Amino acid sequence: MPKSPFQLFVPVLLCNAAFALYRWEARRRRPPLFPKDFVEPVLYKENRASGNSLKNLLTEFGGARNCLRLRVTQNELWTWSMFSLLDDLIDVEHRILKQNIIAFKEQRDLFGRGSLCIEYRKVSGGVSRIEIFPRNFDAFMQALQLSASNKTDVEATQVSPL
């Protein structure tokens, strides 16, 4: 049993620092997912959205709350967190081609806040699902320009991997 709170604080601080250095180094070695300069015009931009991946239980209940960045261009939807060290863990960093969106489902809660569940094909092959809560839902949907032919129940969609 530690005699003072400081004896417990130092090992926890060292473990967190080691984890942050490990994540930073892994991130530095990986090629960037998003370009530094936007070539295409941005149709929708938001820095304080919420969202989560539906990959597993951790990402479903974790996610990014009021710190998810969204960009919609002519051909793509980009999502990533303000805290880039955790993007891989909570699986919120996505670069989605609009043509790869298989299905989507719009939902509204009792307070009128809209969410969008998107199912899409990854470039690497396979299917992924994310849920996004933009602050300006209508402007986001207008910029995304999803057609009604893609609108299906995401839960019931059966898609085979590429």
Protein backbone atom coordinates (compact mmCIF):
# COMPACT_ATOMS: atom_id res chain seq x y z
CA MET A 1 0.00 0.00 0.00
CA PRO A 2 1.46 3.38 -0.97
CA LYS A 3 2.20 5.72 1.90
CA SER A 4 1.28 8.81 -0.07
CA PRO A 5 -0.88 9.51 -3.13
CA PHE A 6 2.25 10.69 -4.93
CA GLN A 7 3.69 7.15 -4.91
CA LEU A 8 0.68 5.94 -6.89
CA PHE A 9 0.53 8.99 -9.15
CA VAL A 10 4.07 8.67 -10.53
CA PRO A 11 3.73 5.11 -11.95
CA VAL A 12 0.38 5.98 -13.51
CA LEU A 13 1.87 9.12 -15.04
CA LEU A 14 4.84 7.17 -16.41
CA CYS A 15 2.58 4.51 -17.93
CA ASN A 16 0.44 7.18 -19.61
CA ALA A 17 3.52 8.94 -20.95
CA ALA A 18 4.90 5.66 -22.34
CA PHE A 19 1.55 4.90 -23.98
CA ALA A 20 1.37 8.39 -25.54
CA LEU A 21 4.93 8.06 -26.90
CA TYR A 22 4.14 4.63 -28.34
CA ARG A 23 0.97 5.91 -30.05
CA TRP A 24 2.77 9.01 -31.36
CA GLU A 25 5.59 6.91 -32.84
CA ALA A 26 3.16 4.45 -34.46
CA ARG A 27 1.21 7.36 -35.91
CA ARG A 28 4.34 9.06 -37.20
CA ARG A 29 5.43 5.95 -39.12
CA ARG A 30 2.06 5.50 -40.82
CA PRO A 31 1.43 7.43 -44.05
CA PRO A 32 -1.07 10.30 -43.62
CA LEU A 33 -4.68 9.50 -44.41
CA PHE A 34 -5.66 13.08 -45.21
CA PRO A 35 -3.73 15.57 -47.35
CA LYS A 36 -2.34 18.69 -45.71
CA ASP A 37 -3.93 20.98 -48.31
CA PHE A 38 -7.51 20.48 -49.40
CA VAL A 39 -7.56 20.35 -53.20
CA GLU A 40 -11.30 19.95 -53.57
CA PRO A 41 -13.72 22.56 -52.25
CA VAL A 42 -15.21 21.65 -48.89
CA LEU A 43 -19.01 21.45 -49.02
CA TYR A 44 -19.49 20.94 -45.27
CA LYS A 45 -17.07 21.52 -42.40
CA GLU A 46 -17.62 20.88 -38.71
CA ASN A 47 -15.16 20.60 -35.84
CA ARG A 48 -17.42 19.76 -32.88
CA ALA A 49 -19.56 16.85 -34.05
CA SER A 50 -20.02 13.54 -32.24
CA GLY A 51 -19.78 10.04 -33.58
CA ASN A 52 -18.58 6.52 -33.09
CA SER A 53 -17.66 3.41 -34.98
CA LEU A 54 -19.86 0.34 -34.75
CA LYS A 55 -16.84 -1.97 -35.02
CA ASN A 56 -17.01 -3.44 -31.52
CA LEU A 57 -18.37 -2.73 -28.03
CA LEU A 58 -15.46 -0.42 -27.06
CA THR A 59 -15.84 1.78 -30.12
CA GLU A 60 -19.63 1.73 -29.95
CA PHE A 61 -19.77 3.08 -26.39
CA GLY A 62 -16.56 5.10 -26.72
CA GLY A 63 -16.28 7.28 -29.76
CA ALA A 64 -15.80 11.00 -30.03
CA ARG A 65 -18.15 13.29 -28.14
CA ASN A 66 -18.09 16.89 -29.35
CA CYS A 67 -14.58 16.46 -30.75
CA LEU A 68 -15.18 14.78 -34.12
CA ARG A 69 -14.16 16.69 -37.21
CA LEU A 70 -16.23 16.26 -40.37
CA ARG A 71 -15.41 17.32 -43.91
CA VAL A 72 -17.59 16.63 -46.92
CA THR A 73 -16.05 17.23 -50.34
CA GLN A 74 -17.50 16.54 -53.77
CA ASN A 75 -16.40 12.88 -53.68
CA GLU A 76 -15.56 12.03 -50.06
CA LEU A 77 -16.58 12.15 -46.41
CA TRP A 78 -13.74 12.57 -43.91
CA THR A 79 -14.05 11.96 -40.16
CA TRP A 80 -11.34 12.21 -37.54
CA SER A 81 -10.92 13.25 -33.92
CA MET A 82 -9.24 16.32 -32.48
CA PHE A 83 -7.16 13.94 -30.37
CA SER A 84 -5.32 12.08 -33.10
CA LEU A 85 -3.44 9.72 -30.76
CA LEU A 86 -6.70 7.93 -29.98
CA ASP A 87 -8.12 7.74 -33.52
CA ASP A 88 -6.91 4.18 -34.08
CA LEU A 89 -8.25 2.95 -30.74
CA ILE A 90 -11.74 4.40 -31.06
CA ASP A 91 -11.84 3.93 -34.85
CA VAL A 92 -13.14 7.37 -35.85
CA GLU A 93 -10.61 8.17 -38.56
CA HIS A 94 -12.27 7.43 -41.90
CA ARG A 95 -11.90 8.62 -45.46
CA ILE A 96 -15.01 7.40 -47.25
CA LEU A 97 -15.66 7.72 -50.96
CA LYS A 98 -19.31 8.63 -51.52
CA GLN A 99 -19.59 5.92 -54.17
CA ASN A 100 -18.55 3.32 -51.54
CA ILE A 101 -21.51 4.11 -49.28
CA ILE A 102 -23.70 1.02 -49.33
CA ALA A 103 -26.51 2.06 -47.02
CA PHE A 104 -27.48 4.73 -44.54
CA LYS A 105 -30.15 5.22 -41.92
CA GLU A 106 -31.34 8.56 -40.58
CA GLN A 107 -32.63 8.77 -37.01
CA ARG A 108 -33.94 11.59 -34.84
CA ASP A 109 -34.24 11.50 -31.07
CA LEU A 110 -36.96 13.12 -28.94
CA PHE A 111 -35.14 16.46 -28.95
CA GLY A 112 -34.86 16.55 -32.75
CA ARG A 113 -31.14 15.83 -32.87
CA GLY A 114 -30.35 13.83 -35.97
CA SER A 115 -27.92 10.99 -36.40
CA LEU A 116 -26.77 9.13 -39.46
CA CYS A 117 -25.60 5.52 -39.48
CA ILE A 118 -23.46 4.86 -42.56
CA GLU A 119 -22.37 1.49 -43.89
CA TYR A 120 -19.60 1.61 -46.48
CA ARG A 121 -17.04 -0.52 -48.31
CA LYS A 122 -13.45 0.01 -47.28
CA VAL A 123 -10.79 0.49 -49.92
CA SER A 124 -8.95 -2.47 -48.36
CA GLY A 125 -12.05 -4.62 -48.92
CA GLY A 126 -14.62 -5.37 -46.24
CA VAL A 127 -17.44 -3.36 -44.77
CA SER A 128 -17.49 -0.88 -41.89
CA ARG A 129 -20.21 1.09 -40.10
CA ILE A 130 -20.07 4.45 -38.34
CA GLU A 131 -22.64 6.64 -36.63
CA ILE A 132 -22.36 10.43 -36.89
CA PHE A 133 -24.18 13.14 -34.93
CA PRO A 134 -23.56 16.44 -36.77
CA ARG A 135 -24.72 19.63 -35.11
CA ASN A 136 -26.32 20.91 -38.33
CA PHE A 137 -27.88 17.68 -39.58
CA ASP A 138 -29.79 19.14 -42.52
CA ALA A 139 -26.76 20.97 -43.96
CA PHE A 140 -24.66 17.83 -43.51
CA MET A 141 -27.22 15.70 -45.38
CA GLN A 142 -27.48 18.28 -48.16
CA ALA A 143 -23.69 18.34 -48.59
CA LEU A 144 -23.47 14.54 -48.50
CA GLN A 145 -26.17 14.23 -51.20
CA LEU A 146 -27.09 10.64 -50.48
CA SER A 147 -29.72 9.33 -52.85
CA ALA A 148 -32.86 7.57 -51.71
CA SER A 149 -31.72 4.45 -53.58
CA ASN A 150 -28.99 3.96 -50.96
CA LYS A 151 -31.37 4.50 -48.06
CA THR A 152 -31.98 1.15 -46.40
CA ASP A 153 -32.06 -0.24 -42.94
CA VAL A 154 -28.38 -0.61 -42.06
CA GLU A 155 -29.12 -3.38 -39.57
CA ALA A 156 -30.78 -5.56 -42.20
CA THR A 157 -28.27 -5.00 -45.01
CA GLN A 158 -26.42 -8.12 -46.09
CA VAL A 159 -23.26 -7.20 -48.01
CA SER A 160 -20.53 -9.61 -48.95
CA PRO A 161 -16.93 -8.36 -48.68
CA LEU A 162 -15.16 -7.46 -51.89
